[in-house]
Amino acid sequence: MVKQERAARTRQALLDAAAEEFDRHGYDGTSLNRICRAAGITIGALTFHFSTKAELADAVQSQGQAITRAALDSMPARPAPALHRAIDLMLELARLLDAESTVRSAARLSRERPEQNLAWTASWMVVAQNLFEDAYMQGQLNVGVRPASLISLSTYLTIGVECRARAEHEDPPAGDREPSTADELKQVWDMIQYGICRPPTSGS
């Protein structure tokens, strides 16, 4: 049991170090030696758990997906229009990208290794798509606004959040930054809603 616990701690330390390195330097810019130095673990211990860099990257991406799904599953349900719940989801993604290097790493590796079929967007896109489609079917969207367009917009905004969060973790601003990334994204979505929401009907 002690051996198993030690092995589990070593594996997680490698995953944490790999997430930080992949987040900062990308897949091609990260070496196993760099990860070992960051984790304080020998290359032999690393290859015991992960035989290749690709296998380690796969594990980081899978963990990033799991963290994202768990966070979305734990979001409190609230009786709100589908569009508002979709925006809540996007704001939660922004908070995750700001706080979790594993999530940022998973998002980056998904673009750099698209052939691996471990896309980070798979952990949230179907849920968002369903909410935007519900908003469309319930008449919450302006004429001409389609769910597919909102998914594309959400994807681009999320990439922007990811890049900003990475830059701020590499070069933290002096003092506390206000507003937070999620708060700024909320302001963006508040403006977007003026263009995509159907105006209330007379007498409603």
C-alpha atoms as a PDB file:
ATOM      1  CA  MET A   1       0.000   0.000   0.000  1.00  0.00           C
ATOM      2  CA  VAL A   2       2.831   2.430   0.834  1.00  0.00           C
ATOM      3  CA  LYS A   3       4.473   1.618  -2.496  1.00  0.00           C
ATOM      4  CA  GLN A   4       1.226   2.232  -4.353  1.00  0.00           C
ATOM      5  CA  GLU A   5       0.683   5.550  -2.608  1.00  0.00           C
ATOM      6  CA  ARG A   6       4.238   6.634  -3.400  1.00  0.00           C
ATOM      7  CA  ALA A   7       3.786   5.619  -7.037  1.00  0.00           C
ATOM      8  CA  ALA A   8       0.517   7.551  -7.241  1.00  0.00           C
ATOM      9  CA  ARG A   9       2.173  10.667  -5.769  1.00  0.00           C
ATOM     10  CA  THR A  10       5.068  10.364  -8.219  1.00  0.00           C
ATOM     11  CA  ARG A  11       2.696   9.981 -11.145  1.00  0.00           C
ATOM     12  CA  GLN A  12       0.687  13.031 -10.102  1.00  0.00           C
ATOM     13  CA  ALA A  13       3.844  15.084  -9.565  1.00  0.00           C
ATOM     14  CA  LEU A  14       4.885  14.215 -13.117  1.00  0.00           C
ATOM     15  CA  LEU A  15       1.479  15.165 -14.467  1.00  0.00           C
ATOM     16  CA  ASP A  16       1.552  18.497 -12.603  1.00  0.00           C
ATOM     17  CA  ALA A  17       5.058  19.315 -13.828  1.00  0.00           C
ATOM     18  CA  ALA A  18       4.228  18.240 -17.375  1.00  0.00           C
ATOM     19  CA  ALA A  19       1.096  20.400 -17.367  1.00  0.00           C
ATOM     20  CA  GLU A  20       3.120  23.458 -16.346  1.00  0.00           C
ATOM     21  CA  GLU A  21       5.766  22.794 -18.996  1.00  0.00           C
ATOM     22  CA  PHE A  22       3.335  22.002 -21.821  1.00  0.00           C
ATOM     23  CA  ASP A  23       1.329  25.083 -20.878  1.00  0.00           C
ATOM     24  CA  ARG A  24       4.370  27.367 -21.071  1.00  0.00           C
ATOM     25  CA  HIS A  25       6.336  25.800 -23.918  1.00  0.00           C
ATOM     26  CA  GLY A  26       3.933  23.670 -25.923  1.00  0.00           C
ATOM     27  CA  TYR A  27       4.414  20.086 -26.980  1.00  0.00           C
ATOM     28  CA  ASP A  28       7.441  20.595 -29.235  1.00  0.00           C
ATOM     29  CA  GLY A  29       9.141  22.973 -26.803  1.00  0.00           C
ATOM     30  CA  THR A  30       8.931  20.589 -23.850  1.00  0.00           C
ATOM     31  CA  SER A  31      11.379  17.773 -23.174  1.00  0.00           C
ATOM     32  CA  LEU A  32      11.172  14.879 -20.743  1.00  0.00           C
ATOM     33  CA  ASN A  33      14.371  16.121 -19.097  1.00  0.00           C
ATOM     34  CA  ARG A  34      12.749  19.516 -18.485  1.00  0.00           C
ATOM     35  CA  ILE A  35       9.727  17.823 -16.905  1.00  0.00           C
ATOM     36  CA  CYS A  36      11.956  15.656 -14.697  1.00  0.00           C
ATOM     37  CA  ARG A  37      13.831  18.713 -13.444  1.00  0.00           C
ATOM     38  CA  ALA A  38      10.592  20.537 -12.710  1.00  0.00           C
ATOM     39  CA  ALA A  39       9.184  17.539 -10.825  1.00  0.00           C
ATOM     40  CA  GLY A  40      12.451  16.651  -9.067  1.00  0.00           C
ATOM     41  CA  ILE A  41      12.150  13.103 -10.405  1.00  0.00           C
ATOM     42  CA  THR A  42      14.623  10.965 -12.341  1.00  0.00           C
ATOM     43  CA  ILE A  43      14.109  10.066 -15.989  1.00  0.00           C
ATOM     44  CA  GLY A  44      13.928   6.426 -14.934  1.00  0.00           C
ATOM     45  CA  ALA A  45      11.006   7.160 -12.624  1.00  0.00           C
ATOM     46  CA  LEU A  46       9.290   9.084 -15.381  1.00  0.00           C
ATOM     47  CA  THR A  47       9.609   6.318 -17.967  1.00  0.00           C
ATOM     48  CA  PHE A  48       8.293   3.819 -15.427  1.00  0.00           C
ATOM     49  CA  HIS A  49       4.988   5.710 -15.507  1.00  0.00           C
ATOM     50  CA  PHE A  50       5.066   7.141 -19.038  1.00  0.00           C
ATOM     51  CA  SER A  51       7.166   5.486 -21.723  1.00  0.00           C
ATOM     52  CA  THR A  52       7.043   8.446 -24.141  1.00  0.00           C
ATOM     53  CA  LYS A  53       6.356  12.164 -24.174  1.00  0.00           C
ATOM     54  CA  ALA A  54       3.252  11.475 -26.250  1.00  0.00           C
ATOM     55  CA  GLU A  55       1.899   9.140 -23.578  1.00  0.00           C
ATOM     56  CA  LEU A  56       2.504  11.788 -20.917  1.00  0.00           C
ATOM     57  CA  ALA A  57       0.807  14.459 -23.028  1.00  0.00           C
ATOM     58  CA  ASP A  58      -2.173  12.140 -23.533  1.00  0.00           C
ATOM     59  CA  ALA A  59      -2.472  11.759 -19.755  1.00  0.00           C
ATOM     60  CA  VAL A  60      -2.308  15.529 -19.205  1.00  0.00           C
ATOM     61  CA  GLN A  61      -5.016  16.098 -21.801  1.00  0.00           C
ATOM     62  CA  SER A  62      -7.230  13.420 -20.272  1.00  0.00           C
ATOM     63  CA  GLN A  63      -6.805  14.963 -16.820  1.00  0.00           C
ATOM     64  CA  GLY A  64      -7.614  18.420 -18.193  1.00  0.00           C
ATOM     65  CA  GLN A  65     -10.814  17.037 -19.709  1.00  0.00           C
ATOM     66  CA  ALA A  66     -11.721  15.334 -16.422  1.00  0.00           C
ATOM     67  CA  ILE A  67     -11.152  18.522 -14.389  1.00  0.00           C
ATOM     68  CA  THR A  68     -13.322  20.485 -16.819  1.00  0.00           C
ATOM     69  CA  ARG A  69     -16.171  17.968 -16.832  1.00  0.00           C
ATOM     70  CA  ALA A  70     -16.132  17.732 -13.035  1.00  0.00           C
ATOM     71  CA  ALA A  71     -16.277  21.525 -12.694  1.00  0.00           C
ATOM     72  CA  LEU A  72     -19.186  21.828 -15.128  1.00  0.00           C
ATOM     73  CA  ASP A  73     -21.043  18.948 -13.475  1.00  0.00           C
ATOM     74  CA  SER A  74     -20.712  20.678 -10.096  1.00  0.00           C
ATOM     75  CA  MET A  75     -22.122  24.002 -11.315  1.00  0.00           C
ATOM     76  CA  PRO A  76     -25.272  24.812  -9.340  1.00  0.00           C
ATOM     77  CA  ALA A  77     -28.433  24.436 -11.343  1.00  0.00           C
ATOM     78  CA  ARG A  78     -30.503  27.590 -11.536  1.00  0.00           C
ATOM     79  CA  PRO A  79     -33.863  28.330 -13.143  1.00  0.00           C
ATOM     80  CA  ALA A  80     -32.568  30.624 -15.853  1.00  0.00           C
ATOM     81  CA  PRO A  81     -33.036  30.926 -19.614  1.00  0.00           C
ATOM     82  CA  ALA A  82     -30.873  28.563 -21.660  1.00  0.00           C
ATOM     83  CA  LEU A  83     -28.817  31.452 -23.059  1.00  0.00           C
ATOM     84  CA  HIS A  84     -27.904  32.641 -19.564  1.00  0.00           C
ATOM     85  CA  ARG A  85     -26.906  29.118 -18.564  1.00  0.00           C
ATOM     86  CA  ALA A  86     -24.721  28.836 -21.659  1.00  0.00           C
ATOM     87  CA  ILE A  87     -22.965  32.062 -20.714  1.00  0.00           C
ATOM     88  CA  ASP A  88     -22.533  30.798 -17.139  1.00  0.00           C
ATOM     89  CA  LEU A  89     -20.801  27.750 -18.629  1.00  0.00           C
ATOM     90  CA  MET A  90     -18.430  29.920 -20.649  1.00  0.00           C
ATOM     91  CA  LEU A  91     -17.580  31.983 -17.567  1.00  0.00           C
ATOM     92  CA  GLU A  92     -16.817  28.814 -15.613  1.00  0.00           C
ATOM     93  CA  LEU A  93     -14.439  27.764 -18.405  1.00  0.00           C
ATOM     94  CA  ALA A  94     -12.720  31.140 -18.081  1.00  0.00           C
ATOM     95  CA  ARG A  95     -12.254  30.604 -14.347  1.00  0.00           C
ATOM     96  CA  LEU A  96     -10.811  27.131 -14.976  1.00  0.00           C
ATOM     97  CA  LEU A  97      -8.390  28.398 -17.610  1.00  0.00           C
ATOM     98  CA  ASP A  98      -7.261  31.126 -15.247  1.00  0.00           C
ATOM     99  CA  ALA A  99      -6.754  28.791 -12.281  1.00  0.00           C
ATOM    100  CA  GLU A 100      -5.688  25.406 -13.693  1.00  0.00           C
ATOM    101  CA  SER A 101      -2.480  24.897 -15.663  1.00  0.00           C
ATOM    102  CA  THR A 102      -3.676  21.378 -16.521  1.00  0.00           C
ATOM    103  CA  VAL A 103      -6.757  22.815 -18.222  1.00  0.00           C
ATOM    104  CA  ARG A 104      -4.722  25.411 -20.128  1.00  0.00           C
ATOM    105  CA  SER A 105      -2.274  22.699 -21.112  1.00  0.00           C
ATOM    106  CA  ALA A 106      -5.081  20.432 -22.326  1.00  0.00           C
ATOM    107  CA  ALA A 107      -6.508  23.267 -24.410  1.00  0.00           C
ATOM    108  CA  ARG A 108      -3.113  24.059 -25.956  1.00  0.00           C
ATOM    109  CA  LEU A 109      -2.175  20.436 -26.603  1.00  0.00           C
ATOM    110  CA  SER A 110      -5.545  19.865 -28.278  1.00  0.00           C
ATOM    111  CA  ARG A 111      -4.606  22.380 -30.968  1.00  0.00           C
ATOM    112  CA  GLU A 112      -1.006  21.212 -31.272  1.00  0.00           C
ATOM    113  CA  ARG A 113      -1.918  17.506 -31.414  1.00  0.00           C
ATOM    114  CA  PRO A 114      -5.329  17.370 -33.131  1.00  0.00           C
ATOM    115  CA  GLU A 115      -4.707  13.851 -34.409  1.00  0.00           C
ATOM    116  CA  GLN A 116      -4.836  12.426 -30.881  1.00  0.00           C
ATOM    117  CA  ASN A 117      -8.638  12.700 -30.588  1.00  0.00           C
ATOM    118  CA  LEU A 118      -8.336  14.180 -27.089  1.00  0.00           C
ATOM    119  CA  ALA A 119      -9.786  17.600 -27.831  1.00  0.00           C
ATOM    120  CA  TRP A 120     -10.364  19.669 -24.706  1.00  0.00           C
ATOM    121  CA  THR A 121     -13.425  21.204 -26.374  1.00  0.00           C
ATOM    122  CA  ALA A 122     -15.084  17.767 -26.215  1.00  0.00           C
ATOM    123  CA  SER A 123     -15.448  18.282 -22.457  1.00  0.00           C
ATOM    124  CA  TRP A 124     -17.785  21.259 -22.884  1.00  0.00           C
ATOM    125  CA  MET A 125     -18.831  21.913 -26.479  1.00  0.00           C
ATOM    126  CA  VAL A 126     -21.777  19.495 -26.642  1.00  0.00           C
ATOM    127  CA  VAL A 127     -23.257  20.969 -23.458  1.00  0.00           C
ATOM    128  CA  ALA A 128     -22.853  24.507 -24.789  1.00  0.00           C
ATOM    129  CA  GLN A 129     -24.257  23.521 -28.183  1.00  0.00           C
ATOM    130  CA  ASN A 130     -27.360  22.053 -26.552  1.00  0.00           C
ATOM    131  CA  LEU A 131     -27.929  25.170 -24.469  1.00  0.00           C
ATOM    132  CA  PHE A 132     -27.561  27.487 -27.477  1.00  0.00           C
ATOM    133  CA  GLU A 133     -29.949  25.281 -29.448  1.00  0.00           C
ATOM    134  CA  ASP A 134     -32.449  25.427 -26.585  1.00  0.00           C
ATOM    135  CA  ALA A 135     -32.130  29.213 -26.566  1.00  0.00           C
ATOM    136  CA  TYR A 136     -32.806  29.255 -30.317  1.00  0.00           C
ATOM    137  CA  MET A 137     -35.825  26.956 -30.068  1.00  0.00           C
ATOM    138  CA  GLN A 138     -37.236  28.976 -27.150  1.00  0.00           C
ATOM    139  CA  GLY A 139     -37.042  32.218 -29.115  1.00  0.00           C
ATOM    140  CA  GLN A 140     -34.357  33.838 -26.969  1.00  0.00           C
ATOM    141  CA  LEU A 141     -32.114  34.717 -29.930  1.00  0.00           C
ATOM    142  CA  ASN A 142     -32.469  37.500 -32.438  1.00  0.00           C
ATOM    143  CA  VAL A 143     -33.493  36.704 -35.987  1.00  0.00           C
ATOM    144  CA  GLY A 144     -30.487  35.454 -37.951  1.00  0.00           C
ATOM    145  CA  VAL A 145     -28.488  34.326 -34.899  1.00  0.00           C
ATOM    146  CA  ARG A 146     -27.749  30.595 -35.117  1.00  0.00           C
ATOM    147  CA  PRO A 147     -26.401  28.226 -32.444  1.00  0.00           C
ATOM    148  CA  ALA A 148     -23.472  27.216 -34.642  1.00  0.00           C
ATOM    149  CA  SER A 149     -22.356  30.844 -34.838  1.00  0.00           C
ATOM    150  CA  LEU A 150     -22.482  31.163 -31.055  1.00  0.00           C
ATOM    151  CA  ILE A 151     -20.384  28.011 -30.663  1.00  0.00           C
ATOM    152  CA  SER A 152     -17.780  29.468 -33.036  1.00  0.00           C
ATOM    153  CA  LEU A 153     -17.819  32.740 -31.103  1.00  0.00           C
ATOM    154  CA  SER A 154     -17.473  30.865 -27.807  1.00  0.00           C
ATOM    155  CA  THR A 155     -14.514  28.898 -29.131  1.00  0.00           C
ATOM    156  CA  TYR A 156     -12.670  32.027 -30.240  1.00  0.00           C
ATOM    157  CA  LEU A 157     -13.369  33.799 -26.950  1.00  0.00           C
ATOM    158  CA  THR A 158     -12.152  30.784 -24.996  1.00  0.00           C
ATOM    159  CA  ILE A 159      -8.886  30.689 -26.938  1.00  0.00           C
ATOM    160  CA  GLY A 160      -8.421  34.358 -26.105  1.00  0.00           C
ATOM    161  CA  VAL A 161      -9.039  33.702 -22.419  1.00  0.00           C
ATOM    162  CA  GLU A 162      -6.572  30.816 -22.487  1.00  0.00           C
ATOM    163  CA  CYS A 163      -3.837  32.931 -24.071  1.00  0.00           C
ATOM    164  CA  ARG A 164      -4.409  35.823 -21.678  1.00  0.00           C
ATOM    165  CA  ALA A 165      -4.361  33.534 -18.653  1.00  0.00           C
ATOM    166  CA  ARG A 166      -1.124  31.931 -19.844  1.00  0.00           C
ATOM    167  CA  ALA A 167       0.525  35.311 -20.390  1.00  0.00           C
ATOM    168  CA  GLU A 168      -0.467  36.524 -16.933  1.00  0.00           C
ATOM    169  CA  HIS A 169       0.831  33.379 -15.249  1.00  0.00           C
ATOM    170  CA  GLU A 170       4.142  33.779 -17.068  1.00  0.00           C
ATOM    171  CA  ASP A 171       4.396  37.480 -16.195  1.00  0.00           C
ATOM    172  CA  PRO A 172       2.049  38.192 -13.266  1.00  0.00           C
ATOM    173  CA  PRO A 173       0.843  41.798 -12.955  1.00  0.00           C
ATOM    174  CA  ALA A 174       1.902  43.709  -9.859  1.00  0.00           C
ATOM    175  CA  GLY A 175      -0.754  43.497  -7.161  1.00  0.00           C
ATOM    176  CA  ASP A 176      -4.226  42.104  -7.608  1.00  0.00           C
ATOM    177  CA  ARG A 177      -5.623  42.493 -11.096  1.00  0.00           C
ATOM    178  CA  GLU A 178      -9.139  43.849 -11.328  1.00  0.00           C
ATOM    179  CA  PRO A 179     -11.367  42.806 -12.915  1.00  0.00           C
ATOM    180  CA  SER A 180     -10.615  39.100 -13.240  1.00  0.00           C
ATOM    181  CA  THR A 181     -10.495  37.342 -16.605  1.00  0.00           C
ATOM    182  CA  ALA A 182     -13.940  35.857 -15.941  1.00  0.00           C
ATOM    183  CA  ASP A 183     -15.315  39.273 -14.973  1.00  0.00           C
ATOM    184  CA  GLU A 184     -13.979  40.803 -18.174  1.00  0.00           C
ATOM    185  CA  LEU A 185     -15.445  37.968 -20.219  1.00  0.00           C
ATOM    186  CA  LYS A 186     -18.807  38.566 -18.537  1.00  0.00           C
ATOM    187  CA  GLN A 187     -18.639  42.193 -19.659  1.00  0.00           C
ATOM    188  CA  VAL A 188     -17.978  40.970 -23.212  1.00  0.00           C
ATOM    189  CA  TRP A 189     -20.944  38.589 -23.085  1.00  0.00           C
ATOM    190  CA  ASP A 190     -23.133  41.352 -21.647  1.00  0.00           C
ATOM    191  CA  MET A 191     -22.352  43.435 -24.748  1.00  0.00           C
ATOM    192  CA  ILE A 192     -22.846  40.474 -27.080  1.00  0.00           C
ATOM    193  CA  GLN A 193     -26.320  39.881 -25.674  1.00  0.00           C
ATOM    194  CA  TYR A 194     -27.446  43.280 -26.930  1.00  0.00           C
ATOM    195  CA  GLY A 195     -26.855  42.010 -30.446  1.00  0.00           C
ATOM    196  CA  ILE A 196     -28.044  38.423 -30.208  1.00  0.00           C
ATOM    197  CA  CYS A 197     -31.070  38.570 -27.879  1.00  0.00           C
ATOM    198  CA  ARG A 198     -34.535  38.954 -29.298  1.00  0.00           C
ATOM    199  CA  PRO A 199     -36.175  42.114 -27.910  1.00  0.00           C
ATOM    200  CA  PRO A 200     -39.084  41.489 -25.558  1.00  0.00           C
ATOM    201  CA  THR A 201     -42.445  41.582 -27.238  1.00  0.00           C
ATOM    202  CA  SER A 202     -44.856  44.383 -26.463  1.00  0.00           C
ATOM    203  CA  GLY A 203     -46.706  43.762 -23.239  1.00  0.00           C
ATOM    204  CA  SER A 204     -44.312  41.072 -21.977  1.00  0.00           C
END
